[in-house]
């Protein structure tokens, strides 16, 4: 049976993250099971409904979420740390994602700098 091409990307679980795939690219929506992940997924589908040919992210208007940065970093260091160190690190960085995961990179940096000053 041929693949259907006009389906919406599903919301999937990858470890503790909510993801979907579009044009071979992984899109992070936040922590699995949270309302923020659901909202991010719905915004993503709405954006695709407006124009399916658009790329996922327009660097001029869209910014990377803290949860996306953390997820990429965790994928990067998972092979470089042993299991015990990785689990401790993942637990510690999980608090960062719980508090700031839904913020964009720019808003996160701004909030950190303003709290220091």
Protein backbone atom coordinates (compact mmCIF):
# COMPACT_ATOMS: atom_id res chain seq x y z
CA UNK A 1 0.00 0.00 0.00
CA UNK A 2 1.39 3.45 -0.85
CA UNK A 3 2.09 5.98 1.87
CA UNK A 4 -0.47 8.68 2.37
CA UNK A 5 1.14 12.06 1.78
CA UNK A 6 -1.56 14.33 3.17
CA UNK A 7 -1.45 13.28 6.81
CA UNK A 8 -0.62 15.51 9.72
CA UNK A 9 2.54 14.70 11.65
CA UNK A 10 1.73 12.72 14.78
CA UNK A 11 2.69 13.80 18.26
CA UNK A 12 5.14 11.12 19.41
CA UNK A 13 7.08 10.40 22.57
CA UNK A 14 10.88 10.23 22.53
CA UNK A 15 12.07 9.48 26.06
CA UNK A 16 10.42 12.30 28.05
CA UNK A 17 9.99 14.63 25.08
CA UNK A 18 7.04 15.30 22.81
CA UNK A 19 8.15 15.34 19.19
CA UNK A 20 6.80 15.20 15.67
CA UNK A 21 8.48 14.84 12.30
CA UNK A 22 8.13 17.12 9.28
CA UNK A 23 10.13 16.81 6.05
CA UNK A 24 12.59 14.49 7.78
CA UNK A 25 13.25 16.99 10.57
CA UNK A 26 12.46 16.40 14.25
CA UNK A 27 10.37 19.08 15.92
CA UNK A 28 10.50 19.29 19.73
CA UNK A 29 7.35 20.41 21.53
CA UNK A 30 8.47 20.18 25.14
CA UNK A 31 8.11 17.65 27.93
CA UNK A 32 5.79 14.74 27.11
CA UNK A 33 2.33 14.99 28.63
CA UNK A 34 2.45 18.68 29.53
CA UNK A 35 -0.08 21.30 28.40
CA UNK A 36 2.80 23.32 26.91
CA UNK A 37 3.73 20.42 24.62
CA UNK A 38 0.13 20.10 23.50
CA UNK A 39 -0.09 23.84 22.76
CA UNK A 40 3.20 23.76 20.86
CA UNK A 41 1.99 20.81 18.79
CA UNK A 42 -1.30 22.56 17.99
CA UNK A 43 0.56 25.74 16.93
CA UNK A 44 2.80 23.57 14.73
CA UNK A 45 -0.20 21.92 13.03
CA UNK A 46 -1.90 25.32 12.57
CA UNK A 47 1.26 26.63 10.91
CA UNK A 48 1.30 23.64 8.56
CA UNK A 49 -2.37 24.13 7.72
CA UNK A 50 -1.68 27.72 6.68
CA UNK A 51 1.04 26.67 4.25
CA UNK A 52 2.39 23.10 4.20
CA UNK A 53 5.31 24.11 1.98
CA UNK A 54 6.78 26.38 4.65
CA UNK A 55 9.84 25.20 6.52
CA UNK A 56 9.37 24.41 10.19
CA UNK A 57 11.37 27.33 11.50
CA UNK A 58 11.93 30.74 10.03
CA UNK A 59 15.08 32.03 11.71
CA UNK A 60 14.00 35.64 11.30
CA UNK A 61 10.75 35.28 13.23
CA UNK A 62 10.97 32.04 15.18
CA UNK A 63 13.41 31.24 17.97
CA UNK A 64 14.58 27.98 19.45
CA UNK A 65 12.89 26.92 22.68
CA UNK A 66 14.95 26.10 25.76
CA UNK A 67 13.45 22.59 25.74
CA UNK A 68 14.73 22.06 22.17
CA UNK A 69 18.22 23.20 23.13
CA UNK A 70 18.28 20.94 26.17
CA UNK A 71 16.99 17.96 24.19
CA UNK A 72 19.70 18.40 21.58
CA UNK A 73 22.34 18.78 24.25
CA UNK A 74 21.16 15.65 26.08
CA UNK A 75 21.36 13.68 22.84
CA UNK A 76 24.89 14.99 22.38
CA UNK A 77 26.24 14.14 25.85
CA UNK A 78 24.41 10.82 26.30
CA UNK A 79 27.19 8.90 24.57
CA UNK A 80 29.93 10.87 26.31
CA UNK A 81 28.91 10.18 29.94
CA UNK A 82 28.43 6.92 31.78
CA UNK A 83 24.86 5.98 32.75
CA UNK A 84 25.08 7.15 36.37
CA UNK A 85 26.54 10.56 35.53
CA UNK A 86 24.09 11.00 32.67
CA UNK A 87 21.06 10.19 34.85
CA UNK A 88 22.20 12.68 37.52
CA UNK A 89 22.84 15.33 34.89
CA UNK A 90 19.49 14.65 33.23
CA UNK A 91 17.64 15.00 36.53
CA UNK A 92 19.41 18.27 37.33
CA UNK A 93 18.79 19.78 33.91
CA UNK A 94 15.16 18.61 34.06
CA UNK A 95 14.42 21.36 36.57
CA UNK A 96 15.65 23.90 34.04
CA UNK A 97 13.28 22.50 31.43
CA UNK A 98 10.36 22.40 33.88
CA UNK A 99 10.78 26.09 34.70
CA UNK A 100 12.07 27.57 31.42
CA UNK A 101 11.34 24.90 28.77
CA UNK A 102 8.55 26.84 27.06
CA UNK A 103 10.57 30.05 26.72
CA UNK A 104 12.44 31.00 23.61
CA UNK A 105 16.19 31.27 23.76
CA UNK A 106 16.03 35.07 23.66
CA UNK A 107 13.45 35.36 26.45
CA UNK A 108 15.39 32.89 28.60
CA UNK A 109 18.63 34.85 28.22
CA UNK A 110 16.80 38.09 28.94
CA UNK A 111 15.20 36.69 32.10
CA UNK A 112 18.54 35.34 33.38
CA UNK A 113 20.37 38.59 32.73
CA UNK A 114 17.61 40.70 34.29
CA UNK A 115 17.56 38.49 37.40
CA UNK A 116 21.34 38.92 37.81
CA UNK A 117 21.24 42.70 37.42
